[in-house]
Amino acid sequence: MAPAKTSGAVIAVVSMALLSYLLSTYRSKLPLLRMRRCLLSKKIGNGLIDAIGNTPLIRINSLSEATGCEILAKAEFLNPGGSVKDRVAVKIIEEALGSGELVPGGVVTEGSAGSTAISLATVAPAYGCKCHVVIPDDVAIEKSQILEALGATVERVRPVSITHRDHYVNVARRRAMEANELASKERKSDGTDAKMLQQNNDREYGEMAKYSRGGFFADQFENLANFRAHYEATGPEIWEQTGRNLHAFVAAAGTGGTLAGISRFLQEKNPYIKCFLIDPPGSGLFNKVTRGVMYTKEEAEGRRLKNPFDTITEGIGINRLTKNFMMAELDGAFRGTDMEAVEMSRFLLRNDGLFVGSSSAMNCVGAVRVAKLMGPGHTIVTILCDSGMRHLSKFYDAQYLSQHGLTPSATGLEFLGLG
């Protein structure tokens, strides 16, 4: 009987060893299996457009711990085109195609300081359209380089008042009209010699002669598709991601679409949610919100030119009221400074690993201001519009900052009155 007992013991030992091996192998593969199940459980997106929106809402740990509030931010820099403006570009193009104002093969024109133009250039090809962008020639060079790499036609003009016919927005509007004139002529030219027609178009329209399918001026400042993009999507996302439990929202405004769409949606859901503007130097919106006027006695509203050296932030601040901004529901406003934005960007990079652009940094300045106003225990949401990658030649350039007296030196948040 002894050999039988020995044999049984050996089998038991081998069985245990085999079971242990199988378990360890399974455990080592468990993360991979979980990842596969996660991927299979998610719907496959239909091209680039389905990748836009539904961005993460992240806790900014350093600011939350410093203020005693939960400071949360929509990571809009994770959109395919790198900014919150992807949402606007999609909404503008889809509404224009739906109304017939834009047709596949047509050109979308826009006057933009950067991010909206990049988003339009990114998404337009997905709809079979082209993109022509007019930008101020003082915009960070990397933005125009990105636009050209994306295949957009880039036209640079000097910064002038919006009332001037050669303001970049007005030039973009004219380019769309020229494209439509060209398309109309081509439709009426049945039987005309194609080569002669092309030569005539080249002489009359120059660069625009290649846009024979017509044009559509995106008009991000006045086109309420901008507002609707955030009212219908970004606002609802924030509402759900916070578990319908937040106390305040704050953001800067350029066109006003983001601030207006989100603030109006949130206050319709809960009128006790406070919504604020954070405004950079050189902009009149702070005065408009807090005093009811955005100009001094010596100035005419809408005619004041924002000097390019009033602020180094890009894409935010304006000296006229847009249709989009007028849709906003605001409880107050704060004035931010360039120095605060620069210091905030470096603080976030050191403490959170967040490499954000100038408008995102200003938004975070606003979030801290709101936290100080409301006190600890509140949940405050803002927007990380884009990353620092588009701001290397100015906002993140040490020599440029030094020339404008903006060299950062803070070690903490003392620049906002926090130890």
Protein backbone atom coordinates (compact mmCIF):
# COMPACT_ATOMS: atom_id res chain seq x y z
CA MET A 1 0.00 0.00 0.00
CA ALA A 2 2.95 2.38 0.53
CA PRO A 3 3.69 2.80 -3.21
CA ALA A 4 0.05 3.77 -3.80
CA LYS A 5 0.20 6.47 -1.10
CA THR A 6 3.44 7.80 -2.55
CA SER A 7 1.93 7.91 -6.03
CA GLY A 8 -1.12 9.77 -4.74
CA ALA A 9 1.05 12.32 -2.99
CA VAL A 10 3.08 12.91 -6.15
CA ILE A 11 -0.09 13.42 -8.19
CA ALA A 12 -1.38 15.89 -5.60
CA VAL A 13 1.87 17.87 -5.65
CA VAL A 14 1.95 17.95 -9.46
CA SER A 15 -1.69 18.99 -9.57
CA MET A 16 -1.09 21.85 -7.13
CA ALA A 17 1.96 23.00 -9.09
CA LEU A 18 0.02 22.94 -12.35
CA LEU A 19 -2.89 24.85 -10.79
CA SER A 20 -0.49 27.43 -9.35
CA TYR A 21 1.15 27.87 -12.77
CA LEU A 22 -2.19 28.27 -14.52
CA LEU A 23 -3.36 30.83 -11.94
CA SER A 24 -0.16 32.86 -12.19
CA THR A 25 -0.36 32.78 -15.99
CA TYR A 26 -3.99 33.92 -15.88
CA ARG A 27 -3.17 36.71 -13.44
CA SER A 28 -0.30 37.94 -15.63
CA LYS A 29 -2.68 38.12 -18.58
CA LEU A 30 -5.58 39.60 -16.61
CA PRO A 31 -4.79 43.27 -17.40
CA LEU A 32 -4.57 42.40 -21.09
CA LEU A 33 -7.86 40.50 -20.97
CA ARG A 34 -9.54 43.40 -19.18
CA MET A 35 -8.19 45.81 -21.79
CA ARG A 36 -9.54 43.62 -24.60
CA ARG A 37 -12.96 43.42 -22.97
CA CYS A 38 -12.94 47.21 -22.48
CA LEU A 39 -12.06 47.84 -26.10
CA LEU A 40 -14.67 45.38 -27.35
CA SER A 41 -17.34 46.95 -25.15
CA LYS A 42 -16.85 50.38 -26.73
CA LYS A 43 -18.33 51.43 -30.03
CA ILE A 44 -15.86 51.94 -32.84
CA GLY A 45 -15.92 55.58 -33.92
CA ASN A 46 -16.83 56.49 -37.47
CA GLY A 47 -13.73 58.39 -38.56
CA LEU A 48 -12.23 61.58 -37.21
CA ILE A 49 -15.51 63.32 -36.41
CA ASP A 50 -16.60 60.69 -33.89
CA ALA A 51 -13.37 61.29 -31.96
CA ILE A 52 -14.36 64.89 -31.20
CA GLY A 53 -15.99 65.72 -27.88
CA ASN A 54 -16.65 63.61 -24.78
CA THR A 55 -13.31 64.78 -23.42
CA PRO A 56 -12.26 63.82 -19.87
CA LEU A 57 -13.10 66.06 -16.94
CA ILE A 58 -9.98 65.99 -14.78
CA ARG A 59 -9.24 67.17 -11.26
CA ILE A 60 -6.42 69.69 -11.08
CA ASN A 61 -4.89 68.31 -7.93
CA SER A 62 -2.53 71.17 -7.06
CA LEU A 63 -5.20 73.87 -7.33
CA SER A 64 -7.80 71.76 -5.53
CA GLU A 65 -5.47 71.13 -2.60
CA ALA A 66 -4.38 74.78 -2.42
CA THR A 67 -7.93 76.17 -2.41
CA GLY A 68 -9.93 73.50 -0.60
CA CYS A 69 -12.26 73.33 -3.59
CA GLU A 70 -12.64 70.67 -6.23
CA ILE A 71 -11.22 72.40 -9.28
CA LEU A 72 -12.07 70.40 -12.39
CA ALA A 73 -11.17 71.06 -16.01
CA LYS A 74 -12.40 69.76 -19.37
CA ALA A 75 -9.32 68.45 -21.18
CA GLU A 76 -10.29 69.90 -24.56
CA PHE A 77 -6.69 69.73 -25.80
CA LEU A 78 -7.34 65.98 -26.27
CA ASN A 79 -9.63 66.61 -29.24
CA PRO A 80 -8.09 65.44 -32.57
CA GLY A 81 -7.38 69.00 -33.72
CA GLY A 82 -5.89 69.83 -30.33
CA SER A 83 -8.44 72.28 -28.97
CA VAL A 84 -11.99 73.04 -27.89
CA LYS A 85 -12.57 74.63 -31.30
CA ASP A 86 -12.94 71.19 -32.93
CA ARG A 87 -16.48 71.14 -31.58
CA VAL A 88 -17.25 74.50 -33.17
CA ALA A 89 -15.71 73.56 -36.51
CA VAL A 90 -17.85 70.41 -36.78
CA LYS A 91 -21.05 72.24 -35.82
CA ILE A 92 -20.45 75.12 -38.23
CA ILE A 93 -19.65 72.86 -41.18
CA GLU A 94 -22.49 70.41 -40.53
CA GLU A 95 -25.08 73.19 -40.25
CA ALA A 96 -23.74 74.88 -43.41
CA LEU A 97 -23.86 71.62 -45.36
CA GLY A 98 -27.36 70.95 -44.05
CA SER A 99 -28.61 74.38 -45.15
CA GLY A 100 -26.92 74.18 -48.55
CA GLU A 101 -24.76 77.25 -47.89
CA LEU A 102 -21.74 74.94 -48.21
CA VAL A 103 -21.40 72.04 -50.63
CA PRO A 104 -18.84 69.21 -50.74
CA GLY A 105 -15.84 70.51 -52.63
CA GLY A 106 -16.52 74.07 -51.45
CA VAL A 107 -14.18 76.17 -49.35
CA VAL A 108 -14.71 77.22 -45.74
CA THR A 109 -13.14 80.61 -45.01
CA GLU A 110 -12.44 82.03 -41.59
CA GLY A 111 -10.65 84.87 -39.89
CA SER A 112 -9.00 83.29 -36.88
CA ALA A 113 -6.09 83.87 -34.53
CA GLY A 114 -5.30 80.19 -34.65
CA SER A 115 -7.28 77.46 -32.91
CA THR A 116 -10.56 77.73 -34.82
CA ALA A 117 -8.64 77.86 -38.09
CA ILE A 118 -6.66 74.76 -37.15
CA SER A 119 -9.86 72.93 -36.23
CA LEU A 120 -11.56 73.92 -39.50
CA ALA A 121 -8.51 72.82 -41.47
CA THR A 122 -8.52 69.53 -39.53
CA VAL A 123 -12.18 68.59 -40.01
CA ALA A 124 -13.00 70.17 -43.40
CA PRO A 125 -11.40 67.33 -45.43
CA ALA A 126 -13.59 64.83 -43.55
CA TYR A 127 -16.57 66.57 -45.19
CA GLY A 128 -14.89 66.85 -48.59
CA CYS A 129 -14.26 70.59 -48.20
CA LYS A 130 -11.27 72.93 -48.41
CA CYS A 131 -10.15 75.63 -45.99
CA HIS A 132 -8.89 79.20 -46.51
CA VAL A 133 -7.74 81.02 -43.39
CA VAL A 134 -6.95 84.69 -42.80
CA ILE A 135 -4.86 85.38 -39.69
CA PRO A 136 -3.15 88.40 -38.08
CA ASP A 137 0.57 88.38 -38.87
CA ASP A 138 1.48 88.68 -35.17
CA VAL A 139 0.09 85.25 -34.27
CA ALA A 140 2.58 82.66 -32.99
CA ILE A 141 4.37 81.27 -36.06
CA GLU A 142 3.73 77.63 -35.13
CA LYS A 143 0.00 78.14 -35.66
CA SER A 144 0.43 79.17 -39.29
CA GLN A 145 2.91 76.33 -39.78
CA ILE A 146 0.33 73.83 -38.53
CA LEU A 147 -2.32 75.31 -40.83
CA GLU A 148 -0.10 74.98 -43.87
CA ALA A 149 0.85 71.42 -42.91
CA LEU A 150 -2.87 70.60 -42.72
CA GLY A 151 -3.31 71.78 -46.31
CA ALA A 152 -5.13 75.05 -45.62
CA THR A 153 -4.42 78.18 -47.61
CA VAL A 154 -3.07 80.76 -45.14
CA GLU A 155 -3.37 84.50 -45.76
CA ARG A 156 -1.62 86.83 -43.32
CA VAL A 157 -2.74 90.43 -42.74
CA ARG A 158 -1.67 93.19 -40.36
CA PRO A 159 -3.71 93.63 -37.13
CA VAL A 160 -6.27 96.43 -37.50
CA SER A 161 -9.59 97.40 -35.91
CA ILE A 162 -12.63 95.25 -36.70
CA THR A 163 -14.13 98.35 -38.34
CA HIS A 164 -11.34 98.37 -40.93
CA ARG A 165 -12.11 96.59 -44.22
CA ASP A 166 -8.79 94.72 -43.98
CA HIS A 167 -9.36 93.26 -40.51
CA TYR A 168 -8.72 89.53 -40.83
CA VAL A 169 -12.37 88.68 -40.21
CA ASN A 170 -13.56 91.08 -42.91
CA VAL A 171 -11.00 89.76 -45.39
CA ALA A 172 -12.18 86.19 -44.74
CA ARG A 173 -15.78 87.26 -45.38
CA ARG A 174 -14.75 88.79 -48.72
CA ARG A 175 -12.90 85.62 -49.73
CA ALA A 176 -16.07 83.56 -49.32
CA MET A 177 -18.01 86.07 -51.40
CA GLU A 178 -15.35 85.89 -54.14
CA ALA A 179 -15.55 82.10 -54.16
CA ASN A 180 -19.33 82.29 -54.55
CA GLU A 181 -19.03 84.81 -57.39
CA LEU A 182 -16.60 82.47 -59.10
CA ALA A 183 -18.92 79.48 -58.66
CA SER A 184 -21.83 81.48 -60.04
CA LYS A 185 -19.85 82.47 -63.15
CA GLU A 186 -18.84 78.87 -63.75
CA ARG A 187 -22.45 77.72 -63.55
CA LYS A 188 -23.44 80.31 -66.14
CA SER A 189 -20.54 79.52 -68.47
CA ASP A 190 -21.89 76.41 -70.21
CA GLY A 191 -20.22 76.17 -73.59
CA THR A 192 -17.48 78.67 -72.74
CA ASP A 193 -13.96 77.54 -73.50
CA ALA A 194 -12.69 76.03 -70.22
CA LYS A 195 -9.10 77.16 -70.72
CA MET A 196 -10.13 80.75 -71.47
CA LEU A 197 -12.47 80.77 -68.47
CA GLN A 198 -9.67 79.58 -66.19
CA GLN A 199 -7.33 82.26 -67.51
CA ASN A 200 -9.96 84.94 -66.90
CA ASN A 201 -10.61 83.62 -63.40
CA ASP A 202 -6.90 83.55 -62.61
CA ARG A 203 -6.59 87.21 -63.62
CA GLU A 204 -9.68 88.34 -61.71
CA TYR A 205 -9.58 86.18 -58.58
CA GLY A 206 -5.91 85.21 -58.21
CA GLU A 207 -5.48 82.66 -55.44
CA MET A 208 -9.24 82.28 -55.06
CA ALA A 209 -9.62 80.99 -58.63
CA LYS A 210 -9.11 77.42 -57.41
CA TYR A 211 -12.35 77.55 -55.41
CA SER A 212 -14.90 76.89 -58.14
CA ARG A 213 -17.40 75.11 -55.87
CA GLY A 214 -18.24 78.22 -53.89
CA GLY A 215 -17.38 79.36 -50.40
CA PHE A 216 -18.87 79.66 -46.94
CA PHE A 217 -17.71 82.17 -44.32
CA ALA A 218 -17.63 80.29 -41.00
CA ASP A 219 -18.02 83.55 -39.03
CA GLN A 220 -17.16 82.02 -35.67
CA PHE A 221 -17.78 85.30 -33.83
CA GLU A 222 -21.37 85.81 -34.98
CA ASN A 223 -22.45 82.32 -36.13
CA LEU A 224 -24.59 80.88 -33.32
CA ALA A 225 -23.59 77.37 -34.36
CA ASN A 226 -20.60 78.18 -32.12
CA PHE A 227 -22.88 78.71 -29.12
CA ARG A 228 -24.97 75.63 -30.00
CA ALA A 229 -21.90 73.38 -30.13
CA HIS A 230 -21.36 74.01 -26.43
CA TYR A 231 -24.99 74.32 -25.37
CA GLU A 232 -25.82 70.96 -26.97
CA ALA A 233 -22.63 69.04 -26.11
CA THR A 234 -19.96 70.55 -23.84
CA GLY A 235 -22.45 71.81 -21.25
CA PRO A 236 -24.34 68.49 -21.03
CA GLU A 237 -21.04 66.60 -20.76
CA ILE A 238 -19.95 68.72 -17.79
CA TRP A 239 -23.36 68.28 -16.17
CA GLU A 240 -23.17 64.50 -16.38
CA GLN A 241 -19.44 64.17 -15.59
CA THR A 242 -19.87 66.12 -12.34
CA GLY A 243 -22.80 63.94 -11.35
CA ARG A 244 -24.99 67.04 -11.78
CA ASN A 245 -23.26 68.52 -8.76
CA LEU A 246 -21.18 71.66 -9.34
CA HIS A 247 -21.24 75.17 -7.95
CA ALA A 248 -19.48 77.33 -10.53
CA PHE A 249 -18.10 77.57 -14.04
CA VAL A 250 -15.49 80.06 -15.23
CA ALA A 251 -13.79 80.74 -18.56
CA ALA A 252 -12.36 83.49 -20.71
CA ALA A 253 -14.07 84.56 -23.92
CA GLY A 254 -12.90 85.28 -27.45
CA THR A 255 -15.91 84.62 -29.65
CA GLY A 256 -17.91 83.96 -26.47
CA GLY A 257 -19.34 80.67 -27.75
CA THR A 258 -17.81 78.38 -25.13
CA LEU A 259 -18.69 80.60 -22.18
CA ALA A 260 -22.19 81.31 -23.50
CA GLY A 261 -23.15 77.77 -24.45
CA ILE A 262 -21.94 76.20 -21.22
CA SER A 263 -23.16 78.93 -18.87
CA ARG A 264 -26.64 79.02 -20.38
CA PHE A 265 -27.01 75.23 -20.30
CA LEU A 266 -25.80 74.90 -16.71
CA GLN A 267 -27.97 77.71 -15.37
CA GLU A 268 -31.02 76.27 -17.10
CA LYS A 269 -30.31 73.01 -15.29
CA ASN A 270 -29.61 74.70 -11.97
CA PRO A 271 -29.97 78.49 -11.56
CA TYR A 272 -27.81 78.35 -8.43
CA ILE A 273 -24.71 77.48 -10.44
CA LYS A 274 -22.59 80.62 -10.67
CA CYS A 275 -20.93 81.45 -14.01
CA PHE A 276 -18.04 83.88 -14.38
CA LEU A 277 -15.83 85.49 -17.02
CA ILE A 278 -12.05 85.80 -16.61
CA ASP A 279 -10.85 88.56 -18.96
CA PRO A 280 -7.26 89.31 -20.10
CA PRO A 281 -5.64 92.75 -20.41
CA GLY A 282 -6.77 94.84 -23.38
CA SER A 283 -10.26 93.35 -23.47
CA GLY A 284 -13.44 95.28 -22.75
CA LEU A 285 -15.65 92.37 -21.66
CA PHE A 286 -14.79 92.71 -17.96
CA ASN A 287 -16.11 96.29 -18.00
CA LYS A 288 -19.18 95.22 -19.95
CA VAL A 289 -20.09 92.53 -17.42
CA THR A 290 -19.29 94.53 -14.29
CA ARG A 291 -20.20 98.08 -15.35
CA GLY A 292 -22.44 97.73 -18.35
CA VAL A 293 -20.05 99.49 -20.77
CA MET A 294 -16.84 98.30 -22.41
CA TYR A 295 -15.32 101.65 -23.35
CA THR A 296 -14.22 104.92 -21.81
CA LYS A 297 -15.79 108.29 -22.57
CA GLU A 298 -13.03 108.93 -25.10
CA GLU A 299 -13.68 105.74 -27.04
CA ALA A 300 -16.49 104.44 -29.22
CA GLU A 301 -17.67 100.91 -28.49
CA GLY A 302 -16.50 98.46 -31.15
CA ARG A 303 -13.86 100.89 -32.48
CA ARG A 304 -11.16 100.40 -29.92
CA LEU A 305 -8.17 98.50 -31.25
CA LYS A 306 -6.64 95.98 -28.90
CA ASN A 307 -2.93 96.63 -29.12
CA PRO A 308 -1.12 93.34 -29.76
CA PHE A 309 1.06 94.12 -26.74
CA ASP A 310 -1.89 94.59 -24.39
CA THR A 311 -1.76 90.85 -23.75
CA ILE A 312 0.31 87.85 -24.78
CA THR A 313 -2.67 85.52 -24.42
CA GLU A 314 -4.10 84.43 -27.76
CA GLY A 315 -7.68 83.69 -28.76
CA ILE A 316 -9.31 85.41 -25.79
CA GLY A 317 -10.33 88.99 -25.10
CA ILE A 318 -12.27 91.26 -27.43
CA ASN A 319 -13.58 94.82 -27.61
CA ARG A 320 -16.97 94.28 -29.13
CA LEU A 321 -20.06 92.28 -28.26
CA THR A 322 -20.61 89.21 -30.42
CA LYS A 323 -23.90 87.40 -30.92
CA ASN A 324 -22.35 84.39 -29.21
CA PHE A 325 -21.22 86.31 -26.12
CA MET A 326 -24.63 87.92 -25.76
CA MET A 327 -26.08 84.44 -25.16
CA ALA A 328 -24.03 84.06 -21.97
CA GLU A 329 -25.60 83.96 -18.50
CA LEU A 330 -23.03 85.48 -16.16
CA ASP A 331 -22.93 86.30 -12.47
CA GLY A 332 -19.72 88.30 -12.56
CA ALA A 333 -16.26 88.76 -14.02
CA PHE A 334 -12.60 88.87 -13.00
CA ARG A 335 -9.66 90.64 -14.62
CA GLY A 336 -6.59 88.44 -15.12
CA THR A 337 -3.08 89.60 -15.94
CA ASP A 338 -0.44 88.26 -18.30
CA MET A 339 1.90 87.67 -15.38
CA GLU A 340 -0.71 85.55 -13.61
CA ALA A 341 -1.28 83.49 -16.77
CA VAL A 342 2.44 82.92 -17.28
CA GLU A 343 3.00 81.97 -13.64
CA MET A 344 -0.04 79.67 -13.66
CA SER A 345 1.18 77.81 -16.75
CA ARG A 346 4.54 77.09 -15.09
CA PHE A 347 2.89 76.13 -11.80
CA LEU A 348 0.63 73.58 -13.52
CA LEU A 349 3.57 72.14 -15.44
CA ARG A 350 5.68 71.72 -12.28
CA ASN A 351 2.94 70.38 -10.05
CA ASP A 352 0.49 68.56 -12.32
CA GLY A 353 2.39 67.81 -15.51
CA LEU A 354 -0.14 69.90 -17.42
CA PHE A 355 1.39 71.72 -20.41
CA VAL A 356 -1.33 74.23 -21.26
CA GLY A 357 -1.75 77.18 -23.59
CA SER A 358 -2.22 80.80 -22.61
CA SER A 359 -6.03 80.78 -22.55
CA SER A 360 -6.08 77.57 -20.50
CA ALA A 361 -3.71 79.15 -17.98
CA MET A 362 -5.94 82.22 -17.77
CA ASN A 363 -8.96 79.98 -17.19
CA CYS A 364 -7.15 78.34 -14.27
CA VAL A 365 -6.38 81.78 -12.85
CA GLY A 366 -10.12 82.36 -13.02
CA ALA A 367 -10.84 79.07 -11.26
CA VAL A 368 -8.63 80.07 -8.31
CA ARG A 369 -10.29 83.50 -8.18
CA VAL A 370 -13.72 81.85 -8.01
CA ALA A 371 -12.48 79.43 -5.32
CA LYS A 372 -11.25 82.35 -3.20
CA LEU A 373 -14.57 84.13 -3.67
CA MET A 374 -16.77 81.14 -2.82
CA GLY A 375 -14.59 79.52 -0.18
CA PRO A 376 -13.58 75.88 0.42
CA GLY A 377 -15.90 72.99 -0.30
CA HIS A 378 -17.17 74.04 -3.72
CA THR A 379 -16.83 72.35 -7.09
CA ILE A 380 -15.59 74.66 -9.82
CA VAL A 381 -15.24 73.75 -13.50
CA THR A 382 -13.17 75.40 -16.21
CA ILE A 383 -11.77 74.60 -19.67
CA LEU A 384 -8.28 73.57 -20.78
CA CYS A 385 -8.71 74.93 -24.30
CA ASP A 386 -5.45 73.78 -25.86
CA SER A 387 -1.94 72.65 -24.97
CA GLY A 388 1.27 74.65 -24.85
CA MET A 389 2.49 73.18 -28.13
CA ARG A 390 0.96 76.10 -30.08
CA HIS A 391 2.54 78.72 -27.83
CA LEU A 392 6.24 77.90 -27.95
CA SER A 393 7.44 81.01 -29.81
CA LYS A 394 5.78 83.51 -27.45
CA PHE A 395 4.08 82.30 -24.28
CA TYR A 396 6.79 79.68 -23.58
CA ASP A 397 9.73 81.60 -25.01
CA ALA A 398 12.00 82.94 -22.26
CA GLN A 399 13.47 85.72 -24.41
CA TYR A 400 10.05 86.94 -25.56
CA LEU A 401 8.75 86.97 -21.98
CA SER A 402 11.85 88.80 -20.76
CA GLN A 403 11.38 91.52 -23.39
CA HIS A 404 7.89 92.15 -22.02
CA GLY A 405 8.80 91.96 -18.34
CA LEU A 406 7.02 88.65 -17.85
CA THR A 407 9.76 86.31 -16.66
CA PRO A 408 8.13 83.88 -14.18
CA SER A 409 9.63 83.66 -10.70
CA ALA A 410 6.95 82.29 -8.37
CA THR A 411 7.56 79.06 -6.47
CA GLY A 412 3.93 78.52 -5.50
CA LEU A 413 0.62 80.34 -5.91
CA GLU A 414 1.76 83.50 -4.15
CA PHE A 415 0.99 85.44 -7.35
CA LEU A 416 -2.70 84.80 -6.55
CA GLY A 417 -2.39 85.43 -2.84
CA LEU A 418 -2.11 81.78 -1.80
CA GLY A 419 0.84 80.54 0.24
